[in-house]
Amino acid sequence: MDYVSALVPPVVMAALFIGVIRVIVKTQGGANKTKEDAAVDAAYARVEGTQPSPRTDG
């Protein structure tokens, strides 16, 4: 019975990992894709707006 107690934790972790991956794959795209893309674009614009422009004078 020691082999059963040794195999249970990896099997449970594998099942949970598969569940997490399935949730991630299911939530990609769909109705929320446009909202998520807009949020990322806004974050990029905010970061680009706060960085100083590089100096070109020698």
PDB file of N, CA and C in Angstrom:
ATOM      1  N   MET A   1       0.811  -1.200   0.000  1.00  0.00           N
ATOM      2  CA  MET A   1       0.000   0.000   0.000  1.00  0.00           C
ATOM      3  C   MET A   1       0.853   1.261   0.000  1.00  0.00           C
ATOM      4  N   ASP A   2       2.154   1.129   0.208  1.00  0.00           N
ATOM      5  CA  ASP A   2       3.019   2.308   0.184  1.00  0.00           C
ATOM      6  C   ASP A   2       3.056   2.932  -1.202  1.00  0.00           C
ATOM      7  N   TYR A   3       2.963   2.108  -2.229  1.00  0.00           N
ATOM      8  CA  TYR A   3       2.999   2.653  -3.591  1.00  0.00           C
ATOM      9  C   TYR A   3       1.756   3.498  -3.874  1.00  0.00           C
ATOM     10  N   VAL A   4       0.612   3.157  -3.283  1.00  0.00           N
ATOM     11  CA  VAL A   4      -0.599   3.954  -3.483  1.00  0.00           C
ATOM     12  C   VAL A   4      -0.427   5.332  -2.844  1.00  0.00           C
ATOM     13  N   SER A   5       0.081   5.371  -1.628  1.00  0.00           N
ATOM     14  CA  SER A   5       0.281   6.655  -0.960  1.00  0.00           C
ATOM     15  C   SER A   5       1.374   7.467  -1.647  1.00  0.00           C
ATOM     16  N   ALA A   6       2.292   6.817  -2.337  1.00  0.00           N
ATOM     17  CA  ALA A   6       3.330   7.534  -3.076  1.00  0.00           C
ATOM     18  C   ALA A   6       2.796   8.088  -4.391  1.00  0.00           C
ATOM     19  N   LEU A   7       1.787   7.452  -4.978  1.00  0.00           N
ATOM     20  CA  LEU A   7       1.263   7.887  -6.269  1.00  0.00           C
ATOM     21  C   LEU A   7       0.126   8.894  -6.167  1.00  0.00           C
ATOM     22  N   VAL A   8      -0.545   8.954  -5.041  1.00  0.00           N
ATOM     23  CA  VAL A   8      -1.702   9.839  -4.922  1.00  0.00           C
ATOM     24  C   VAL A   8      -1.339  11.319  -5.107  1.00  0.00           C
ATOM     25  N   PRO A   9      -0.330  11.846  -4.428  1.00  0.00           N
ATOM     26  CA  PRO A   9      -0.040  13.288  -4.617  1.00  0.00           C
ATOM     27  C   PRO A   9       0.286  13.673  -6.070  1.00  0.00           C
ATOM     28  N   PRO A  10       1.136  12.928  -6.802  1.00  0.00           N
ATOM     29  CA  PRO A  10       1.379  13.316  -8.187  1.00  0.00           C
ATOM     30  C   PRO A  10       0.134  13.225  -9.071  1.00  0.00           C
ATOM     31  N   VAL A  11      -0.709  12.256  -8.822  1.00  0.00           N
ATOM     32  CA  VAL A  11      -1.926  12.118  -9.624  1.00  0.00           C
ATOM     33  C   VAL A  11      -2.869  13.284  -9.345  1.00  0.00           C
ATOM     34  N   VAL A  12      -3.005  13.660  -8.090  1.00  0.00           N
ATOM     35  CA  VAL A  12      -3.860  14.792  -7.730  1.00  0.00           C
ATOM     36  C   VAL A  12      -3.318  16.078  -8.344  1.00  0.00           C
ATOM     37  N   MET A  13      -2.009  16.295  -8.258  1.00  0.00           N
ATOM     38  CA  MET A  13      -1.409  17.490  -8.837  1.00  0.00           C
ATOM     39  C   MET A  13      -1.565  17.514 -10.350  1.00  0.00           C
ATOM     40  N   ALA A  14      -1.439  16.371 -11.000  1.00  0.00           N
ATOM     41  CA  ALA A  14      -1.619  16.313 -12.448  1.00  0.00           C
ATOM     42  C   ALA A  14      -3.060  16.648 -12.826  1.00  0.00           C
ATOM     43  N   ALA A  15      -4.013  16.150 -12.068  1.00  0.00           N
ATOM     44  CA  ALA A  15      -5.415  16.443 -12.356  1.00  0.00           C
ATOM     45  C   ALA A  15      -5.701  17.933 -12.181  1.00  0.00           C
ATOM     46  N   LEU A  16      -5.168  18.529 -11.126  1.00  0.00           N
ATOM     47  CA  LEU A  16      -5.369  19.958 -10.908  1.00  0.00           C
ATOM     48  C   LEU A  16      -4.687  20.780 -12.002  1.00  0.00           C
ATOM     49  N   PHE A  17      -3.504  20.355 -12.421  1.00  0.00           N
ATOM     50  CA  PHE A  17      -2.787  21.063 -13.478  1.00  0.00           C
ATOM     51  C   PHE A  17      -3.567  21.012 -14.783  1.00  0.00           C
ATOM     52  N   ILE A  18      -4.110  19.858 -15.116  1.00  0.00           N
ATOM     53  CA  ILE A  18      -4.928  19.729 -16.326  1.00  0.00           C
ATOM     54  C   ILE A  18      -6.156  20.628 -16.233  1.00  0.00           C
ATOM     55  N   GLY A  19      -6.765  20.695 -15.063  1.00  0.00           N
ATOM     56  CA  GLY A  19      -7.924  21.565 -14.875  1.00  0.00           C
ATOM     57  C   GLY A  19      -7.573  23.030 -15.070  1.00  0.00           C
ATOM     58  N   VAL A  20      -6.432  23.461 -14.553  1.00  0.00           N
ATOM     59  CA  VAL A  20      -6.007  24.854 -14.712  1.00  0.00           C
ATOM     60  C   VAL A  20      -5.753  25.161 -16.178  1.00  0.00           C
ATOM     61  N   ILE A  21      -5.088  24.263 -16.882  1.00  0.00           N
ATOM     62  CA  ILE A  21      -4.810  24.472 -18.302  1.00  0.00           C
ATOM     63  C   ILE A  21      -6.108  24.554 -19.096  1.00  0.00           C
ATOM     64  N   ARG A  22      -7.083  23.712 -18.774  1.00  0.00           N
ATOM     65  CA  ARG A  22      -8.365  23.753 -19.481  1.00  0.00           C
ATOM     66  C   ARG A  22      -9.075  25.089 -19.258  1.00  0.00           C
ATOM     67  N   VAL A  23      -9.026  25.608 -18.026  1.00  0.00           N
ATOM     68  CA  VAL A  23      -9.652  26.901 -17.743  1.00  0.00           C
ATOM     69  C   VAL A  23      -8.953  28.006 -18.524  1.00  0.00           C
ATOM     70  N   ILE A  24      -7.628  27.970 -18.571  1.00  0.00           N
ATOM     71  CA  ILE A  24      -6.880  28.996 -19.304  1.00  0.00           C
ATOM     72  C   ILE A  24      -7.237  28.951 -20.781  1.00  0.00           C
ATOM     73  N   VAL A  25      -7.291  27.768 -21.356  1.00  0.00           N
ATOM     74  CA  VAL A  25      -7.597  27.639 -22.784  1.00  0.00           C
ATOM     75  C   VAL A  25      -9.024  28.092 -23.074  1.00  0.00           C
ATOM     76  N   LYS A  26      -9.962  27.749 -22.199  1.00  0.00           N
ATOM     77  CA  LYS A  26     -11.359  28.132 -22.430  1.00  0.00           C
ATOM     78  C   LYS A  26     -11.583  29.631 -22.335  1.00  0.00           C
ATOM     79  N   THR A  27     -10.804  30.316 -21.497  1.00  0.00           N
ATOM     80  CA  THR A  27     -11.027  31.744 -21.314  1.00  0.00           C
ATOM     81  C   THR A  27     -10.284  32.594 -22.337  1.00  0.00           C
ATOM     82  N   GLN A  28      -9.500  31.994 -23.190  1.00  0.00           N
ATOM     83  CA  GLN A  28      -8.811  32.766 -24.223  1.00  0.00           C
ATOM     84  C   GLN A  28      -9.788  33.046 -25.358  1.00  0.00           C
ATOM     85  N   GLY A  29      -9.807  34.275 -25.808  1.00  0.00           N
ATOM     86  CA  GLY A  29     -10.697  34.637 -26.907  1.00  0.00           C
ATOM     87  C   GLY A  29     -12.122  34.817 -26.422  1.00  0.00           C
ATOM     88  N   GLY A  30     -13.048  34.696 -27.328  1.00  0.00           N
ATOM     89  CA  GLY A  30     -14.451  34.814 -26.964  1.00  0.00           C
ATOM     90  C   GLY A  30     -14.877  36.242 -26.734  1.00  0.00           C
ATOM     91  N   ALA A  31     -15.876  36.418 -25.903  1.00  0.00           N
ATOM     92  CA  ALA A  31     -16.480  37.723 -25.675  1.00  0.00           C
ATOM     93  C   ALA A  31     -15.531  38.664 -24.936  1.00  0.00           C
ATOM     94  N   ASN A  32     -14.650  38.129 -24.113  1.00  0.00           N
ATOM     95  CA  ASN A  32     -13.764  38.984 -23.322  1.00  0.00           C
ATOM     96  C   ASN A  32     -12.506  39.391 -24.069  1.00  0.00           C
ATOM     97  N   LYS A  33     -12.269  38.825 -25.234  1.00  0.00           N
ATOM     98  CA  LYS A  33     -11.024  39.106 -25.951  1.00  0.00           C
ATOM     99  C   LYS A  33     -10.885  40.588 -26.280  1.00  0.00           C
ATOM    100  N   THR A  34     -11.929  41.220 -26.749  1.00  0.00           N
ATOM    101  CA  THR A  34     -11.856  42.631 -27.108  1.00  0.00           C
ATOM    102  C   THR A  34     -11.575  43.488 -25.877  1.00  0.00           C
ATOM    103  N   LYS A  35     -12.236  43.172 -24.768  1.00  0.00           N
ATOM    104  CA  LYS A  35     -12.026  43.934 -23.541  1.00  0.00           C
ATOM    105  C   LYS A  35     -10.598  43.750 -23.025  1.00  0.00           C
ATOM    106  N   GLU A  36     -10.080  42.521 -23.075  1.00  0.00           N
ATOM    107  CA  GLU A  36      -8.722  42.268 -22.620  1.00  0.00           C
ATOM    108  C   GLU A  36      -7.711  42.950 -23.526  1.00  0.00           C
ATOM    109  N   ASP A  37      -7.939  42.907 -24.837  1.00  0.00           N
ATOM    110  CA  ASP A  37      -7.027  43.571 -25.772  1.00  0.00           C
ATOM    111  C   ASP A  37      -7.015  45.078 -25.541  1.00  0.00           C
ATOM    112  N   ALA A  38      -8.172  45.662 -25.274  1.00  0.00           N
ATOM    113  CA  ALA A  38      -8.250  47.096 -25.017  1.00  0.00           C
ATOM    114  C   ALA A  38      -7.504  47.455 -23.731  1.00  0.00           C
ATOM    115  N   ALA A  39      -7.611  46.613 -22.724  1.00  0.00           N
ATOM    116  CA  ALA A  39      -6.910  46.878 -21.465  1.00  0.00           C
ATOM    117  C   ALA A  39      -5.397  46.813 -21.668  1.00  0.00           C
ATOM    118  N   VAL A  40      -4.935  45.857 -22.441  1.00  0.00           N
ATOM    119  CA  VAL A  40      -3.496  45.740 -22.709  1.00  0.00           C
ATOM    120  C   VAL A  40      -3.020  46.922 -23.537  1.00  0.00           C
ATOM    121  N   ASP A  41      -3.784  47.310 -24.545  1.00  0.00           N
ATOM    122  CA  ASP A  41      -3.412  48.474 -25.361  1.00  0.00           C
ATOM    123  C   ASP A  41      -3.348  49.745 -24.518  1.00  0.00           C
ATOM    124  N   ALA A  42      -4.279  49.911 -23.591  1.00  0.00           N
ATOM    125  CA  ALA A  42      -4.274  51.080 -22.724  1.00  0.00           C
ATOM    126  C   ALA A  42      -3.050  51.074 -21.808  1.00  0.00           C
ATOM    127  N   ALA A  43      -2.683  49.908 -21.313  1.00  0.00           N
ATOM    128  CA  ALA A  43      -1.504  49.808 -20.451  1.00  0.00           C
ATOM    129  C   ALA A  43      -0.241  50.136 -21.234  1.00  0.00           C
ATOM    130  N   TYR A  44      -0.141  49.643 -22.461  1.00  0.00           N
ATOM    131  CA  TYR A  44       1.024  49.961 -23.294  1.00  0.00           C
ATOM    132  C   TYR A  44       1.085  51.463 -23.576  1.00  0.00           C
ATOM    133  N   ALA A  45      -0.045  52.062 -23.886  1.00  0.00           N
ATOM    134  CA  ALA A  45      -0.074  53.490 -24.173  1.00  0.00           C
ATOM    135  C   ALA A  45       0.327  54.290 -22.938  1.00  0.00           C
ATOM    136  N   ARG A  46      -0.122  53.853 -21.770  1.00  0.00           N
ATOM    137  CA  ARG A  46       0.222  54.545 -20.533  1.00  0.00           C
ATOM    138  C   ARG A  46       1.728  54.464 -20.279  1.00  0.00           C
ATOM    139  N   VAL A  47       2.317  53.284 -20.495  1.00  0.00           N
ATOM    140  CA  VAL A  47       3.750  53.113 -20.266  1.00  0.00           C
ATOM    141  C   VAL A  47       4.550  53.911 -21.285  1.00  0.00           C
ATOM    142  N   GLU A  48       4.151  53.873 -22.524  1.00  0.00           N
ATOM    143  CA  GLU A  48       4.875  54.606 -23.561  1.00  0.00           C
ATOM    144  C   GLU A  48       4.752  56.110 -23.353  1.00  0.00           C
ATOM    145  N   GLY A  49       3.650  56.571 -22.819  1.00  0.00           N
ATOM    146  CA  GLY A  49       3.455  57.992 -22.577  1.00  0.00           C
ATOM    147  C   GLY A  49       4.277  58.523 -21.424  1.00  0.00           C
ATOM    148  N   THR A  50       4.641  57.673 -20.460  1.00  0.00           N
ATOM    149  CA  THR A  50       5.378  58.136 -19.301  1.00  0.00           C
ATOM    150  C   THR A  50       6.879  58.041 -19.477  1.00  0.00           C
ATOM    151  N   GLN A  51       7.368  57.315 -20.466  1.00  0.00           N
ATOM    152  CA  GLN A  51       8.798  57.199 -20.676  1.00  0.00           C
ATOM    153  C   GLN A  51       9.312  58.419 -21.445  1.00  0.00           C
ATOM    154  N   PRO A  52      10.429  58.970 -21.020  1.00  0.00           N
ATOM    155  CA  PRO A  52      10.971  60.115 -21.755  1.00  0.00           C
ATOM    156  C   PRO A  52      11.501  59.668 -23.114  1.00  0.00           C
ATOM    157  N   SER A  53      11.379  60.550 -24.081  1.00  0.00           N
ATOM    158  CA  SER A  53      11.875  60.223 -25.408  1.00  0.00           C
ATOM    159  C   SER A  53      13.402  60.297 -25.411  1.00  0.00           C
ATOM    160  N   PRO A  54      14.052  59.463 -26.208  1.00  0.00           N
ATOM    161  CA  PRO A  54      15.522  59.467 -26.217  1.00  0.00           C
ATOM    162  C   PRO A  54      16.052  60.766 -26.821  1.00  0.00           C
ATOM    163  N   ARG A  55      17.146  61.225 -26.284  1.00  0.00           N
ATOM    164  CA  ARG A  55      17.762  62.472 -26.769  1.00  0.00           C
ATOM    165  C   ARG A  55      18.569  62.166 -28.021  1.00  0.00           C
ATOM    166  N   THR A  56      18.475  63.030 -29.001  1.00  0.00           N
ATOM    167  CA  THR A  56      19.193  62.818 -30.252  1.00  0.00           C
ATOM    168  C   THR A  56      20.310  63.829 -30.450  1.00  0.00           C
ATOM    169  N   ASP A  57      20.387  64.855 -29.574  1.00  0.00           N
ATOM    170  CA  ASP A  57      21.465  65.827 -29.739  1.00  0.00           C
ATOM    171  C   ASP A  57      22.762  65.244 -29.168  1.00  0.00           C
ATOM    172  N   GLY A  58      23.840  65.459 -29.880  1.00  0.00           N
ATOM    173  CA  GLY A  58      25.104  64.817 -29.565  1.00  0.00           C
ATOM    174  C   GLY A  58      25.765  65.357 -28.399  1.00  0.00           C
TER     175      GLY A  58
END
